[in-house]
Amino acid sequence: MPKLLRTIRTSGKVGSVAFNPKGDFIGAACEDGAKIWETKTGSLYQSLPLLNENTGLFRRFFAKTRAFSVSFSPDGDKLATGNYDHNVAVWNLRDKMAPMIFKGHRDCVTKVQFVAADCLFSYGNRDKSVRIWDTSTGICRNNFPVTGWGAGMAVSSDGKTIAVGDCIENIFTLYDAADGRPIRTLSKSQRMGGLKGSCGVAFSPNGSIVITGMWDGTMKLWETETGTCLQTLAGHKSGLCHLAFSPDGRHILTASLDGTVRLWNCDSSSEVHRFNGQDFACAVCFSPCGNLGAISNLKGYIQVWDLGSPKNVRPGINAKKR
């Protein structure tokens, strides 16, 4: 049975959340930049504010300094945020200097994801583009348009495949990261009354499975290589805004507009635990060991949960693909 370990509170809304590679720190995208806390104590370790270039002053959300997404590099030395001001910020956590600012997106950057120490993907759901950055030089390696609006983006762990969702048409498209070529469309269903917002999408750790969150509250697990639907998990009463695979691919955390976060077992296609009272939950993640889970909330706090020992988990669908 999952147990709430601590609640980390901060001022303003909290967007995405992520553990660093060792699991001893938690980073979050906040209204005034990024913040890092110690996982064990919940103490604030580092505040990384975004600089308003026009005035030279540190400003909050209404000065367009809000961060939407956060990602640690695999070596833990860097942290990146995708921001309201259309830019990507990358901090070197060792020297604690001002961040490098990567420009090119024409609207908000709603997702960033490291796949290597010097390779960062960024996605703008309004300018409908993906950019691939060399974080050692700040050079954009590639830039290509994608379909979809207001939906999620995920990159496979090897950096070769990108998944992008379109919450208006309820489709999810896979792209070749080398040239931006569409590979296949995973799903297409009836439009849900023109709803707008975020649809979650995530790759399994080995990249063989893609999970997509639908507006009717269901999740679908797809084989990346063939586009075959392997499973449909049902239970949520409203659209899914964020999903995350456990590091071993055996469990999934989901955050929904129905006010719940849920933990699922892939092998049994069943709900393991329901976290109620999550009306404003917007992102979820697992720790690198898979024994902890974090839930970020637009009310300005992060919950850290003990999910139990991974040793007690049955093998899941991703384990069969190894």
C-alpha atoms as a PDB file:
ATOM      1  CA  MET A   1       0.000   0.000   0.000  1.00  0.00           C
ATOM      2  CA  PRO A   2       1.542   3.351  -1.036  1.00  0.00           C
ATOM      3  CA  LYS A   3       2.321   5.709   1.831  1.00  0.00           C
ATOM      4  CA  LEU A   4       2.598   9.504   1.702  1.00  0.00           C
ATOM      5  CA  LEU A   5       6.093  10.399   2.883  1.00  0.00           C
ATOM      6  CA  ARG A   6       5.999  14.183   2.648  1.00  0.00           C
ATOM      7  CA  THR A   7       4.429  17.193   0.994  1.00  0.00           C
ATOM      8  CA  ILE A   8       6.742  19.830  -0.448  1.00  0.00           C
ATOM      9  CA  ARG A   9       5.151  23.260  -0.692  1.00  0.00           C
ATOM     10  CA  THR A  10       6.205  26.217  -2.811  1.00  0.00           C
ATOM     11  CA  SER A  11       4.695  29.491  -3.922  1.00  0.00           C
ATOM     12  CA  GLY A  12       2.598  29.472  -7.089  1.00  0.00           C
ATOM     13  CA  LYS A  13       1.770  26.681  -9.495  1.00  0.00           C
ATOM     14  CA  VAL A  14       3.998  23.634  -9.972  1.00  0.00           C
ATOM     15  CA  GLY A  15       4.187  22.164 -13.451  1.00  0.00           C
ATOM     16  CA  SER A  16       6.186  19.059 -14.300  1.00  0.00           C
ATOM     17  CA  VAL A  17       8.330  17.208 -11.788  1.00  0.00           C
ATOM     18  CA  ALA A  18      11.338  14.888 -12.129  1.00  0.00           C
ATOM     19  CA  PHE A  19      13.813  12.969  -9.982  1.00  0.00           C
ATOM     20  CA  ASN A  20      17.500  13.340 -10.734  1.00  0.00           C
ATOM     21  CA  PRO A  21      19.328  10.156 -11.900  1.00  0.00           C
ATOM     22  CA  LYS A  22      20.382   9.197  -8.365  1.00  0.00           C
ATOM     23  CA  GLY A  23      16.933   9.885  -6.925  1.00  0.00           C
ATOM     24  CA  ASP A  24      18.238  12.050  -4.097  1.00  0.00           C
ATOM     25  CA  PHE A  25      16.798  15.281  -5.532  1.00  0.00           C
ATOM     26  CA  ILE A  26      13.473  16.331  -7.042  1.00  0.00           C
ATOM     27  CA  GLY A  27      13.254  19.118  -9.614  1.00  0.00           C
ATOM     28  CA  ALA A  28      10.111  20.984 -10.578  1.00  0.00           C
ATOM     29  CA  ALA A  29       8.991  23.599 -13.085  1.00  0.00           C
ATOM     30  CA  CYS A  30       7.556  26.534 -11.148  1.00  0.00           C
ATOM     31  CA  GLU A  31       6.091  29.958 -11.839  1.00  0.00           C
ATOM     32  CA  ASP A  32       9.425  31.723 -11.341  1.00  0.00           C
ATOM     33  CA  GLY A  33      11.772  29.135 -12.825  1.00  0.00           C
ATOM     34  CA  ALA A  34      12.925  25.794 -11.460  1.00  0.00           C
ATOM     35  CA  LYS A  35      13.446  24.520  -7.938  1.00  0.00           C
ATOM     36  CA  ILE A  36      15.289  21.498  -6.566  1.00  0.00           C
ATOM     37  CA  TRP A  37      14.531  19.798  -3.239  1.00  0.00           C
ATOM     38  CA  GLU A  38      16.222  17.029  -1.295  1.00  0.00           C
ATOM     39  CA  THR A  39      14.125  13.891  -1.697  1.00  0.00           C
ATOM     40  CA  LYS A  40      14.841  12.561   1.791  1.00  0.00           C
ATOM     41  CA  THR A  41      14.007  15.707   3.754  1.00  0.00           C
ATOM     42  CA  GLY A  42      11.956  17.860   1.393  1.00  0.00           C
ATOM     43  CA  SER A  43      14.306  20.783   2.094  1.00  0.00           C
ATOM     44  CA  LEU A  44      14.848  23.307  -0.687  1.00  0.00           C
ATOM     45  CA  TYR A  45      18.307  22.689  -2.141  1.00  0.00           C
ATOM     46  CA  GLN A  46      18.494  25.158  -5.013  1.00  0.00           C
ATOM     47  CA  SER A  47      16.306  27.816  -6.620  1.00  0.00           C
ATOM     48  CA  LEU A  48      16.929  28.520 -10.299  1.00  0.00           C
ATOM     49  CA  PRO A  49      15.056  31.689 -11.285  1.00  0.00           C
ATOM     50  CA  LEU A  50      14.478  32.777 -14.860  1.00  0.00           C
ATOM     51  CA  LEU A  51      15.737  36.223 -15.837  1.00  0.00           C
ATOM     52  CA  ASN A  52      13.450  38.660 -17.603  1.00  0.00           C
ATOM     53  CA  GLU A  53      15.751  39.844 -20.374  1.00  0.00           C
ATOM     54  CA  ASN A  54      13.829  43.047 -21.049  1.00  0.00           C
ATOM     55  CA  THR A  55      14.108  44.517 -17.555  1.00  0.00           C
ATOM     56  CA  GLY A  56      16.966  42.670 -15.902  1.00  0.00           C
ATOM     57  CA  LEU A  57      14.661  41.831 -13.003  1.00  0.00           C
ATOM     58  CA  PHE A  58      13.472  38.483 -11.763  1.00  0.00           C
ATOM     59  CA  ARG A  59       9.765  38.258 -12.421  1.00  0.00           C
ATOM     60  CA  ARG A  60       6.981  35.820 -11.760  1.00  0.00           C
ATOM     61  CA  PHE A  61       4.449  34.203 -14.086  1.00  0.00           C
ATOM     62  CA  PHE A  62       2.875  37.365 -15.442  1.00  0.00           C
ATOM     63  CA  ALA A  63       6.269  38.609 -16.609  1.00  0.00           C
ATOM     64  CA  LYS A  64       6.512  35.495 -18.792  1.00  0.00           C
ATOM     65  CA  THR A  65       9.110  33.699 -16.661  1.00  0.00           C
ATOM     66  CA  ARG A  66       7.049  30.623 -15.877  1.00  0.00           C
ATOM     67  CA  ALA A  67       8.566  27.186 -16.498  1.00  0.00           C
ATOM     68  CA  PHE A  68       6.290  24.464 -17.867  1.00  0.00           C
ATOM     69  CA  SER A  69       8.581  21.436 -18.062  1.00  0.00           C
ATOM     70  CA  VAL A  70      11.738  20.208 -16.354  1.00  0.00           C
ATOM     71  CA  SER A  71      14.306  17.501 -17.144  1.00  0.00           C
ATOM     72  CA  PHE A  72      17.618  16.349 -15.632  1.00  0.00           C
ATOM     73  CA  SER A  73      20.442  15.196 -17.876  1.00  0.00           C
ATOM     74  CA  PRO A  74      21.357  11.487 -17.525  1.00  0.00           C
ATOM     75  CA  ASP A  75      24.562  12.386 -15.668  1.00  0.00           C
ATOM     76  CA  GLY A  76      22.669  14.721 -13.322  1.00  0.00           C
ATOM     77  CA  ASP A  77      24.928  17.672 -14.093  1.00  0.00           C
ATOM     78  CA  LYS A  78      22.345  19.725 -15.994  1.00  0.00           C
ATOM     79  CA  LEU A  79      18.725  20.719 -15.606  1.00  0.00           C
ATOM     80  CA  ALA A  80      16.573  22.121 -18.406  1.00  0.00           C
ATOM     81  CA  THR A  81      13.250  23.920 -18.409  1.00  0.00           C
ATOM     82  CA  GLY A  82      10.785  24.686 -21.180  1.00  0.00           C
ATOM     83  CA  ASN A  83       9.354  28.126 -20.591  1.00  0.00           C
ATOM     84  CA  TYR A  84       6.453  30.477 -21.181  1.00  0.00           C
ATOM     85  CA  ASP A  85       8.776  33.026 -22.819  1.00  0.00           C
ATOM     86  CA  HIS A  86       9.299  30.668 -25.828  1.00  0.00           C
ATOM     87  CA  ASN A  87      12.823  29.756 -24.693  1.00  0.00           C
ATOM     88  CA  VAL A  88      14.640  26.762 -23.231  1.00  0.00           C
ATOM     89  CA  ALA A  89      16.904  27.316 -20.227  1.00  0.00           C
ATOM     90  CA  VAL A  90      19.727  24.914 -19.308  1.00  0.00           C
ATOM     91  CA  TRP A  91      21.581  25.171 -16.006  1.00  0.00           C
ATOM     92  CA  ASN A  92      24.933  23.583 -15.222  1.00  0.00           C
ATOM     93  CA  LEU A  93      24.257  22.444 -11.654  1.00  0.00           C
ATOM     94  CA  ARG A  94      27.955  22.116 -10.852  1.00  0.00           C
ATOM     95  CA  ASP A  95      28.923  25.743 -11.395  1.00  0.00           C
ATOM     96  CA  LYS A  96      25.562  27.304 -10.398  1.00  0.00           C
ATOM     97  CA  MET A  97      25.974  30.023 -13.003  1.00  0.00           C
ATOM     98  CA  ALA A  98      23.216  31.702 -15.030  1.00  0.00           C
ATOM     99  CA  PRO A  99      21.536  29.328 -17.457  1.00  0.00           C
ATOM    100  CA  MET A 100      22.225  29.018 -21.158  1.00  0.00           C
ATOM    101  CA  ILE A 101      19.173  30.241 -23.102  1.00  0.00           C
ATOM    102  CA  PHE A 102      18.193  28.459 -26.306  1.00  0.00           C
ATOM    103  CA  LYS A 103      15.951  30.432 -28.655  1.00  0.00           C
ATOM    104  CA  GLY A 104      13.980  29.369 -31.695  1.00  0.00           C
ATOM    105  CA  HIS A 105      10.476  28.361 -30.662  1.00  0.00           C
ATOM    106  CA  ARG A 106       7.759  30.861 -31.588  1.00  0.00           C
ATOM    107  CA  ASP A 107       5.524  30.118 -28.597  1.00  0.00           C
ATOM    108  CA  CYS A 108       5.533  28.428 -25.194  1.00  0.00           C
ATOM    109  CA  VAL A 109       7.875  25.463 -24.782  1.00  0.00           C
ATOM    110  CA  THR A 110       5.719  22.877 -23.051  1.00  0.00           C
ATOM    111  CA  LYS A 111       8.086  19.894 -22.915  1.00  0.00           C
ATOM    112  CA  VAL A 112      11.815  19.309 -22.606  1.00  0.00           C
ATOM    113  CA  GLN A 113      13.534  15.920 -22.351  1.00  0.00           C
ATOM    114  CA  PHE A 114      17.183  14.930 -22.134  1.00  0.00           C
ATOM    115  CA  VAL A 115      18.204  11.698 -23.873  1.00  0.00           C
ATOM    116  CA  ALA A 116      21.968  12.175 -23.401  1.00  0.00           C
ATOM    117  CA  ALA A 117      24.237  14.494 -21.440  1.00  0.00           C
ATOM    118  CA  ASP A 118      24.483  16.902 -24.386  1.00  0.00           C
ATOM    119  CA  CYS A 119      21.252  16.119 -26.285  1.00  0.00           C
ATOM    120  CA  LEU A 120      17.978  17.816 -25.351  1.00  0.00           C
ATOM    121  CA  PHE A 121      14.605  17.678 -27.114  1.00  0.00           C
ATOM    122  CA  SER A 122      12.123  20.545 -26.811  1.00  0.00           C
ATOM    123  CA  TYR A 123       8.522  20.780 -27.966  1.00  0.00           C
ATOM    124  CA  GLY A 124       6.166  23.698 -28.475  1.00  0.00           C
ATOM    125  CA  ASN A 125       2.558  22.573 -28.633  1.00  0.00           C
ATOM    126  CA  ARG A 126       1.423  25.864 -30.153  1.00  0.00           C
ATOM    127  CA  ASP A 127       4.140  26.427 -32.724  1.00  0.00           C
ATOM    128  CA  LYS A 128       3.895  22.685 -33.473  1.00  0.00           C
ATOM    129  CA  SER A 129       7.604  22.048 -33.661  1.00  0.00           C
ATOM    130  CA  VAL A 130      10.303  19.862 -32.121  1.00  0.00           C
ATOM    131  CA  ARG A 131      13.877  21.049 -31.737  1.00  0.00           C
ATOM    132  CA  ILE A 132      16.956  19.008 -30.850  1.00  0.00           C
ATOM    133  CA  TRP A 133      19.716  20.901 -29.023  1.00  0.00           C
ATOM    134  CA  ASP A 134      23.385  20.321 -28.339  1.00  0.00           C
ATOM    135  CA  THR A 135      23.500  21.539 -24.743  1.00  0.00           C
ATOM    136  CA  SER A 136      27.290  21.861 -24.741  1.00  0.00           C
ATOM    137  CA  THR A 137      27.227  24.476 -27.519  1.00  0.00           C
ATOM    138  CA  GLY A 138      23.614  25.717 -27.613  1.00  0.00           C
ATOM    139  CA  ILE A 139      23.365  24.810 -31.298  1.00  0.00           C
ATOM    140  CA  CYS A 140      20.058  23.487 -32.619  1.00  0.00           C
ATOM    141  CA  ARG A 141      20.920  20.185 -34.317  1.00  0.00           C
ATOM    142  CA  ASN A 142      17.517  19.710 -35.910  1.00  0.00           C
ATOM    143  CA  ASN A 143      14.145  21.410 -36.160  1.00  0.00           C
ATOM    144  CA  PHE A 144      11.008  20.051 -37.779  1.00  0.00           C
ATOM    145  CA  PRO A 145       7.234  20.600 -37.695  1.00  0.00           C
ATOM    146  CA  VAL A 146       4.805  18.116 -36.148  1.00  0.00           C
ATOM    147  CA  THR A 147       1.047  17.771 -36.255  1.00  0.00           C
ATOM    148  CA  GLY A 148      -1.123  18.330 -33.222  1.00  0.00           C
ATOM    149  CA  TRP A 149      -2.067  21.039 -30.779  1.00  0.00           C
ATOM    150  CA  GLY A 150      -2.197  21.174 -27.008  1.00  0.00           C
ATOM    151  CA  ALA A 151      -0.958  17.628 -26.528  1.00  0.00           C
ATOM    152  CA  GLY A 152       2.015  15.775 -25.094  1.00  0.00           C
ATOM    153  CA  MET A 153       5.398  14.782 -26.494  1.00  0.00           C
ATOM    154  CA  ALA A 154       7.769  12.000 -25.506  1.00  0.00           C
ATOM    155  CA  VAL A 155      11.106  10.712 -26.800  1.00  0.00           C
ATOM    156  CA  SER A 156      12.323   7.119 -26.656  1.00  0.00           C
ATOM    157  CA  SER A 157      15.327   6.551 -24.407  1.00  0.00           C
ATOM    158  CA  ASP A 158      17.638   5.992 -27.393  1.00  0.00           C
ATOM    159  CA  GLY A 159      16.570   9.337 -28.884  1.00  0.00           C
ATOM    160  CA  LYS A 160      15.483   7.782 -32.181  1.00  0.00           C
ATOM    161  CA  THR A 161      11.688   8.061 -31.993  1.00  0.00           C
ATOM    162  CA  ILE A 162       9.375  10.911 -30.999  1.00  0.00           C
ATOM    163  CA  ALA A 163       5.701  10.565 -30.098  1.00  0.00           C
ATOM    164  CA  VAL A 164       3.397  13.585 -30.362  1.00  0.00           C
ATOM    165  CA  GLY A 165      -0.320  13.737 -29.575  1.00  0.00           C
ATOM    166  CA  ASP A 166      -3.124  15.856 -30.979  1.00  0.00           C
ATOM    167  CA  CYS A 167      -5.886  16.248 -28.405  1.00  0.00           C
ATOM    168  CA  ILE A 168      -8.309  17.782 -30.917  1.00  0.00           C
ATOM    169  CA  GLU A 169      -8.220  14.868 -33.341  1.00  0.00           C
ATOM    170  CA  ASN A 170      -7.215  12.304 -30.680  1.00  0.00           C
ATOM    171  CA  ILE A 171      -4.325  11.010 -32.768  1.00  0.00           C
ATOM    172  CA  PHE A 172      -0.763  10.154 -31.785  1.00  0.00           C
ATOM    173  CA  THR A 173       2.006  10.199 -34.363  1.00  0.00           C
ATOM    174  CA  LEU A 174       5.478   8.664 -34.223  1.00  0.00           C
ATOM    175  CA  TYR A 175       8.353  10.537 -35.898  1.00  0.00           C
ATOM    176  CA  ASP A 176      11.879   9.590 -36.857  1.00  0.00           C
ATOM    177  CA  ALA A 177      14.089  11.922 -34.815  1.00  0.00           C
ATOM    178  CA  ALA A 178      16.828  11.829 -37.453  1.00  0.00           C
ATOM    179  CA  ASP A 179      14.837  13.635 -40.145  1.00  0.00           C
ATOM    180  CA  GLY A 180      11.398  14.412 -38.672  1.00  0.00           C
ATOM    181  CA  ARG A 181       9.699  11.949 -40.985  1.00  0.00           C
ATOM    182  CA  PRO A 182       6.310  10.641 -39.731  1.00  0.00           C
ATOM    183  CA  ILE A 183       6.583   6.895 -39.178  1.00  0.00           C
ATOM    184  CA  ARG A 184       3.010   5.947 -38.282  1.00  0.00           C
ATOM    185  CA  THR A 185      -0.171   7.092 -36.593  1.00  0.00           C
ATOM    186  CA  LEU A 186      -0.929   5.080 -33.473  1.00  0.00           C
ATOM    187  CA  SER A 187      -4.568   5.933 -32.940  1.00  0.00           C
ATOM    188  CA  LYS A 188      -7.444   7.907 -34.208  1.00  0.00           C
ATOM    189  CA  SER A 189     -10.842   8.068 -32.534  1.00  0.00           C
ATOM    190  CA  GLN A 190     -13.927  10.208 -32.614  1.00  0.00           C
ATOM    191  CA  ARG A 191     -13.351  13.832 -31.696  1.00  0.00           C
ATOM    192  CA  MET A 192     -14.424  14.487 -28.141  1.00  0.00           C
ATOM    193  CA  GLY A 193     -16.601  17.542 -28.704  1.00  0.00           C
ATOM    194  CA  GLY A 194     -13.686  19.766 -29.731  1.00  0.00           C
ATOM    195  CA  LEU A 195     -12.037  19.540 -26.319  1.00  0.00           C
ATOM    196  CA  LYS A 196      -8.690  21.251 -25.917  1.00  0.00           C
ATOM    197  CA  GLY A 197      -5.904  20.485 -23.456  1.00  0.00           C
ATOM    198  CA  SER A 198      -3.187  17.914 -22.893  1.00  0.00           C
ATOM    199  CA  CYS A 199      -3.227  14.233 -23.759  1.00  0.00           C
ATOM    200  CA  GLY A 200      -0.494  12.212 -22.089  1.00  0.00           C
ATOM    201  CA  VAL A 201       2.025  10.078 -23.959  1.00  0.00           C
ATOM    202  CA  ALA A 202       5.081   8.158 -22.746  1.00  0.00           C
ATOM    203  CA  PHE A 203       7.564   5.519 -23.886  1.00  0.00           C
ATOM    204  CA  SER A 204       8.468   2.456 -21.871  1.00  0.00           C
ATOM    205  CA  PRO A 205      12.087   2.440 -20.638  1.00  0.00           C
ATOM    206  CA  ASN A 206      13.302   0.244 -23.498  1.00  0.00           C
ATOM    207  CA  GLY A 207      11.224   2.110 -26.083  1.00  0.00           C
ATOM    208  CA  SER A 208       9.296  -0.934 -27.278  1.00  0.00           C
ATOM    209  CA  ILE A 209       5.956   0.324 -25.930  1.00  0.00           C
ATOM    210  CA  VAL A 210       4.163   3.662 -26.201  1.00  0.00           C
ATOM    211  CA  ILE A 211       1.303   4.495 -23.864  1.00  0.00           C
ATOM    212  CA  THR A 212      -1.249   7.129 -24.861  1.00  0.00           C
ATOM    213  CA  GLY A 213      -3.867   8.847 -22.723  1.00  0.00           C
ATOM    214  CA  MET A 214      -7.268   9.403 -24.295  1.00  0.00           C
ATOM    215  CA  TRP A 215      -9.933  11.988 -23.550  1.00  0.00           C
ATOM    216  CA  ASP A 216     -12.412   9.306 -22.497  1.00  0.00           C
ATOM    217  CA  GLY A 217     -10.114   8.337 -19.622  1.00  0.00           C
ATOM    218  CA  THR A 218      -8.694   5.181 -21.193  1.00  0.00           C
ATOM    219  CA  MET A 219      -5.056   4.353 -21.890  1.00  0.00           C
ATOM    220  CA  LYS A 220      -3.751   2.369 -24.801  1.00  0.00           C
ATOM    221  CA  LEU A 221      -0.444   0.524 -24.938  1.00  0.00           C
ATOM    222  CA  TRP A 222       1.038   0.240 -28.429  1.00  0.00           C
ATOM    223  CA  GLU A 223       3.927  -1.692 -29.873  1.00  0.00           C
ATOM    224  CA  THR A 224       6.307   0.961 -31.189  1.00  0.00           C
ATOM    225  CA  GLU A 225       7.680  -1.092 -34.049  1.00  0.00           C
ATOM    226  CA  THR A 226       4.340  -2.156 -35.555  1.00  0.00           C
ATOM    227  CA  GLY A 227       1.746   0.266 -34.161  1.00  0.00           C
ATOM    228  CA  THR A 228      -0.281  -2.686 -32.831  1.00  0.00           C
ATOM    229  CA  CYS A 229      -2.530  -1.943 -29.849  1.00  0.00           C
ATOM    230  CA  LEU A 230      -1.543  -4.386 -27.098  1.00  0.00           C
ATOM    231  CA  GLN A 231      -3.763  -3.299 -24.213  1.00  0.00           C
ATOM    232  CA  THR A 232      -6.468  -0.845 -23.218  1.00  0.00           C
ATOM    233  CA  LEU A 233      -6.642   0.171 -19.568  1.00  0.00           C
ATOM    234  CA  ALA A 234      -9.892   1.749 -18.365  1.00  0.00           C
ATOM    235  CA  GLY A 235     -10.885   3.315 -15.066  1.00  0.00           C
ATOM    236  CA  HIS A 236     -10.452   7.079 -15.169  1.00  0.00           C
ATOM    237  CA  LYS A 237     -13.634   9.106 -15.649  1.00  0.00           C
ATOM    238  CA  SER A 238     -12.049  11.967 -17.584  1.00  0.00           C
ATOM    239  CA  GLY A 239      -9.104  12.826 -19.804  1.00  0.00           C
ATOM    240  CA  LEU A 240      -5.523  11.943 -18.903  1.00  0.00           C
ATOM    241  CA  CYS A 241      -3.073  14.809 -18.634  1.00  0.00           C
ATOM    242  CA  HIS A 242       0.116  12.926 -17.749  1.00  0.00           C
ATOM    243  CA  LEU A 243       1.514   9.375 -17.698  1.00  0.00           C
ATOM    244  CA  ALA A 244       4.779   7.794 -16.592  1.00  0.00           C
ATOM    245  CA  PHE A 245       6.289   4.315 -16.805  1.00  0.00           C
ATOM    246  CA  SER A 246       8.195   2.871 -13.855  1.00  0.00           C
ATOM    247  CA  PRO A 247      11.919   2.319 -14.586  1.00  0.00           C
ATOM    248  CA  ASP A 248      11.389  -1.435 -15.027  1.00  0.00           C
ATOM    249  CA  GLY A 249       8.310  -0.952 -17.225  1.00  0.00           C
ATOM    250  CA  ARG A 250       6.065  -2.881 -14.858  1.00  0.00           C
ATOM    251  CA  HIS A 251       3.866  -0.074 -13.560  1.00  0.00           C
ATOM    252  CA  ILE A 252       2.308   3.135 -14.831  1.00  0.00           C
ATOM    253  CA  LEU A 253       1.318   6.297 -12.977  1.00  0.00           C
ATOM    254  CA  THR A 254      -1.493   8.396 -14.471  1.00  0.00           C
ATOM    255  CA  ALA A 255      -2.864  11.832 -13.623  1.00  0.00           C
ATOM    256  CA  SER A 256      -6.391  12.619 -14.770  1.00  0.00           C
ATOM    257  CA  LEU A 257      -8.821  15.500 -14.914  1.00  0.00           C
ATOM    258  CA  ASP A 258     -11.182  13.339 -12.828  1.00  0.00           C
ATOM    259  CA  GLY A 259      -9.246  14.370  -9.722  1.00  0.00           C
ATOM    260  CA  THR A 260      -7.351  11.133  -9.192  1.00  0.00           C
ATOM    261  CA  VAL A 261      -3.867   9.777  -9.752  1.00  0.00           C
ATOM    262  CA  ARG A 262      -3.679   6.026 -10.230  1.00  0.00           C
ATOM    263  CA  LEU A 263      -1.031   3.316 -10.146  1.00  0.00           C
ATOM    264  CA  TRP A 264      -1.459   0.474 -12.647  1.00  0.00           C
ATOM    265  CA  ASN A 265       0.032  -2.976 -13.153  1.00  0.00           C
ATOM    266  CA  CYS A 266       0.735  -3.579 -16.846  1.00  0.00           C
ATOM    267  CA  ASP A 267       0.766  -7.355 -16.626  1.00  0.00           C
ATOM    268  CA  SER A 268      -2.640  -7.703 -14.989  1.00  0.00           C
ATOM    269  CA  SER A 269      -4.097  -4.590 -16.696  1.00  0.00           C
ATOM    270  CA  SER A 270      -5.423  -3.591 -13.291  1.00  0.00           C
ATOM    271  CA  GLU A 271      -5.449  -0.586 -11.009  1.00  0.00           C
ATOM    272  CA  VAL A 272      -3.142  -1.128  -8.041  1.00  0.00           C
ATOM    273  CA  HIS A 273      -3.858   2.028  -6.057  1.00  0.00           C
ATOM    274  CA  ARG A 274      -5.923   5.184  -6.355  1.00  0.00           C
ATOM    275  CA  PHE A 275      -4.658   8.491  -4.982  1.00  0.00           C
ATOM    276  CA  ASN A 276      -7.803  10.526  -4.342  1.00  0.00           C
ATOM    277  CA  GLY A 277      -8.081  14.261  -3.753  1.00  0.00           C
ATOM    278  CA  GLN A 278      -5.797  15.144  -6.682  1.00  0.00           C
ATOM    279  CA  ASP A 279      -8.060  17.739  -8.333  1.00  0.00           C
ATOM    280  CA  PHE A 280      -5.192  19.849  -9.669  1.00  0.00           C
ATOM    281  CA  ALA A 281      -2.543  17.180 -10.260  1.00  0.00           C
ATOM    282  CA  CYS A 282      -0.697  17.904 -13.508  1.00  0.00           C
ATOM    283  CA  ALA A 283       2.346  15.600 -13.598  1.00  0.00           C
ATOM    284  CA  VAL A 284       3.657  12.341 -12.157  1.00  0.00           C
ATOM    285  CA  CYS A 285       7.006  10.539 -12.142  1.00  0.00           C
ATOM    286  CA  PHE A 286       8.850   7.580 -10.633  1.00  0.00           C
ATOM    287  CA  SER A 287      12.189   7.668  -8.861  1.00  0.00           C
ATOM    288  CA  PRO A 288      15.055   5.866 -10.660  1.00  0.00           C
ATOM    289  CA  CYS A 289      14.637   2.830  -8.375  1.00  0.00           C
ATOM    290  CA  GLY A 290      10.872   2.816  -8.882  1.00  0.00           C
ATOM    291  CA  ASN A 291      10.076   2.726  -5.167  1.00  0.00           C
ATOM    292  CA  LEU A 292       9.019   6.384  -4.967  1.00  0.00           C
ATOM    293  CA  GLY A 293       6.472   8.387  -6.905  1.00  0.00           C
ATOM    294  CA  ALA A 294       5.994  12.146  -7.106  1.00  0.00           C
ATOM    295  CA  ILE A 295       2.830  14.088  -7.930  1.00  0.00           C
ATOM    296  CA  SER A 296       2.986  17.808  -8.776  1.00  0.00           C
ATOM    297  CA  ASN A 297      -0.024  20.020  -8.285  1.00  0.00           C
ATOM    298  CA  LEU A 298      -1.153  23.380  -9.641  1.00  0.00           C
ATOM    299  CA  LYS A 299      -2.040  24.370  -6.079  1.00  0.00           C
ATOM    300  CA  GLY A 300       1.676  24.727  -5.360  1.00  0.00           C
ATOM    301  CA  TYR A 301       2.872  21.501  -3.825  1.00  0.00           C
ATOM    302  CA  ILE A 302       4.522  18.162  -4.589  1.00  0.00           C
ATOM    303  CA  GLN A 303       3.638  14.909  -2.884  1.00  0.00           C
ATOM    304  CA  VAL A 304       6.278  12.183  -2.486  1.00  0.00           C
ATOM    305  CA  TRP A 305       4.908   8.666  -2.049  1.00  0.00           C
ATOM    306  CA  ASP A 306       6.515   5.401  -1.021  1.00  0.00           C
ATOM    307  CA  LEU A 307       5.158   2.947  -3.608  1.00  0.00           C
ATOM    308  CA  GLY A 308       6.689  -0.151  -2.044  1.00  0.00           C
ATOM    309  CA  SER A 309       9.584  -2.383  -2.997  1.00  0.00           C
ATOM    310  CA  PRO A 310      10.033  -3.138  -6.716  1.00  0.00           C
ATOM    311  CA  LYS A 311      10.916  -6.708  -5.682  1.00  0.00           C
ATOM    312  CA  ASN A 312       7.255  -7.368  -4.913  1.00  0.00           C
ATOM    313  CA  VAL A 313       6.062  -6.329  -8.380  1.00  0.00           C
ATOM    314  CA  ARG A 314       5.012  -8.928 -10.920  1.00  0.00           C
ATOM    315  CA  PRO A 315       6.740  -8.812 -14.342  1.00  0.00           C
ATOM    316  CA  GLY A 316       4.896  -6.523 -16.726  1.00  0.00           C
ATOM    317  CA  ILE A 317       4.427  -6.213 -20.468  1.00  0.00           C
ATOM    318  CA  ASN A 318       7.652  -4.276 -20.950  1.00  0.00           C
ATOM    319  CA  ALA A 319       9.673  -6.931 -19.143  1.00  0.00           C
ATOM    320  CA  LYS A 320       8.641  -9.443 -21.800  1.00  0.00           C
ATOM    321  CA  LYS A 321      10.179  -7.277 -24.518  1.00  0.00           C
ATOM    322  CA  ARG A 322      13.703  -7.244 -23.124  1.00  0.00           C
END
